[in-house]
Amino acid sequence: MTLRHLSVLAEDDDDPMLSAVNLVDVFLVLVVALLTAVAVQTQTSANESVTIIRNPGHPDMEVVVREHGKEVRFKGAGSAAQGQGVRAGVAYQLEDGNIVYIPETGAAPADAGTAKPARP
């Protein structure tokens, strides 16, 4: 049996362009894999809740809340809040940094400004 019909296998592949073409193919596969990974990461992060505060402490401060793919923006008016209201409760900051809010029911107690949280 002769290998005349397999003459393609008998040729030497000394062409440097074939190596460059193979490298380009490898890089294309890597780029497609990276783009797929980024697309999957972006899709999973779209379902998370994120709160962003832009320009904190400035008159043009903005709060952006992203939940379940929806975005809501809150913009400040550039001044402190004004208006009339009633006392809704008391907030205490614990030693570990947590803040506890205790809503009030009925009228405000007379010593509400001097009350201290109980320490365990």
Protein backbone atom coordinates (compact mmCIF):
# COMPACT_ATOMS: atom_id res chain seq x y z
CA MET A 1 0.00 0.00 0.00
CA THR A 2 1.41 3.35 -0.98
CA LEU A 3 0.75 6.71 0.59
CA ARG A 4 0.25 8.54 -2.70
CA HIS A 5 -3.33 9.43 -1.92
CA LEU A 6 -2.19 10.87 1.47
CA SER A 7 0.17 13.35 -0.07
CA VAL A 8 -1.11 16.05 2.28
CA LEU A 9 0.37 14.19 5.25
CA ALA A 10 3.72 13.84 3.55
CA GLU A 11 4.23 17.59 3.11
CA ASP A 12 6.26 19.47 5.71
CA ASP A 13 4.40 22.26 7.49
CA ASP A 14 7.18 24.83 7.74
CA ASP A 15 4.96 27.79 6.95
CA PRO A 16 5.11 30.27 9.89
CA MET A 17 1.70 31.69 8.93
CA LEU A 18 0.02 28.44 9.96
CA SER A 19 1.29 28.92 13.51
CA ALA A 20 0.02 32.51 13.57
CA VAL A 21 -3.40 31.40 12.32
CA ASN A 22 -3.55 28.76 15.05
CA LEU A 23 -2.68 31.37 17.70
CA VAL A 24 -5.42 33.67 16.41
CA ASP A 25 -7.90 30.80 16.71
CA VAL A 26 -6.84 30.14 20.30
CA PHE A 27 -7.19 33.83 21.21
CA LEU A 28 -10.65 33.99 19.60
CA VAL A 29 -11.79 31.07 21.74
CA LEU A 30 -10.41 32.80 24.87
CA VAL A 31 -12.15 36.08 24.01
CA VAL A 32 -15.49 34.31 23.50
CA ALA A 33 -15.07 32.51 26.84
CA LEU A 34 -14.29 35.79 28.65
CA LEU A 35 -17.24 37.58 27.06
CA THR A 36 -19.53 34.73 28.08
CA ALA A 37 -18.26 34.91 31.67
CA VAL A 38 -18.83 38.69 31.79
CA ALA A 39 -22.34 38.32 30.38
CA VAL A 40 -23.24 35.68 32.99
CA GLN A 41 -21.79 37.81 35.81
CA THR A 42 -23.71 40.89 34.62
CA GLN A 43 -26.93 38.91 34.41
CA THR A 44 -26.60 37.55 37.95
CA SER A 45 -25.65 40.94 39.39
CA ALA A 46 -28.74 42.51 37.80
CA ASN A 47 -30.89 40.56 40.27
CA GLU A 48 -29.08 41.95 43.34
CA SER A 49 -30.06 45.02 45.34
CA VAL A 50 -27.53 47.86 45.23
CA THR A 51 -27.61 51.35 46.76
CA ILE A 52 -25.23 54.01 45.44
CA ILE A 53 -24.75 57.46 46.99
CA ARG A 54 -23.27 60.03 44.61
CA ASN A 55 -21.72 63.28 45.90
CA PRO A 56 -22.42 62.60 49.60
CA GLY A 57 -22.76 65.73 51.71
CA HIS A 58 -23.06 68.07 48.73
CA PRO A 59 -26.19 69.97 47.65
CA ASP A 60 -26.42 67.85 44.47
CA MET A 61 -26.33 64.54 46.38
CA GLU A 62 -28.15 61.66 44.70
CA VAL A 63 -29.15 58.21 45.97
CA VAL A 64 -29.55 55.47 43.35
CA VAL A 65 -31.29 52.23 44.35
CA ARG A 66 -31.18 49.23 42.01
CA GLU A 67 -33.48 46.32 42.84
CA HIS A 68 -34.38 43.42 40.58
CA GLY A 69 -33.19 45.20 37.44
CA LYS A 70 -35.09 48.44 38.21
CA GLU A 71 -33.36 51.69 39.08
CA VAL A 72 -34.86 54.45 41.25
CA ARG A 73 -33.10 57.81 41.74
CA PHE A 74 -33.60 60.17 44.67
CA LYS A 75 -32.22 63.70 44.31
CA GLY A 76 -31.81 66.16 47.15
CA ALA A 77 -33.29 69.64 46.99
CA GLY A 78 -30.01 71.15 48.21
CA SER A 79 -31.34 72.07 51.65
CA ALA A 80 -32.36 70.36 54.86
CA ALA A 81 -35.83 68.89 55.10
CA GLN A 82 -38.48 71.21 56.42
CA GLY A 83 -42.03 70.77 57.59
CA GLN A 84 -44.11 69.77 60.52
CA GLY A 85 -44.34 66.32 61.99
CA VAL A 86 -44.62 64.28 65.13
CA ARG A 87 -42.04 62.26 66.96
CA ALA A 88 -42.11 58.69 65.71
CA GLY A 89 -39.65 56.99 68.05
CA VAL A 90 -36.14 56.92 69.50
CA ALA A 91 -32.96 55.56 67.95
CA TYR A 92 -30.01 54.29 70.00
CA GLN A 93 -26.53 53.40 68.80
CA LEU A 94 -25.13 50.34 70.53
CA GLU A 95 -21.48 49.79 71.45
CA ASP A 96 -20.94 47.51 68.46
CA GLY A 97 -22.15 50.26 66.07
CA ASN A 98 -25.63 48.87 65.38
CA ILE A 99 -28.51 51.31 65.56
CA VAL A 100 -31.75 50.25 67.22
CA TYR A 101 -34.98 52.11 66.48
CA ILE A 102 -37.78 51.93 69.03
CA PRO A 103 -41.13 53.23 67.73
CA GLU A 104 -43.33 55.10 70.16
CA THR A 105 -46.97 54.31 70.65
CA GLY A 106 -49.17 57.12 71.84
CA ALA A 107 -47.77 60.32 73.34
CA ALA A 108 -44.04 60.96 73.74
CA PRO A 109 -42.72 60.30 77.26
CA ALA A 110 -41.60 63.33 79.27
CA ASP A 111 -38.04 62.06 79.79
CA ALA A 112 -37.52 60.79 76.20
CA GLY A 113 -34.58 63.14 75.66
CA THR A 114 -32.69 61.81 78.67
CA ALA A 115 -33.43 58.09 78.37
CA LYS A 116 -30.45 55.80 77.86
CA PRO A 117 -30.52 52.27 76.45
CA ALA A 118 -30.17 49.40 78.89
CA ARG A 119 -26.79 47.70 78.67
CA PRO A 120 -26.70 43.93 78.81
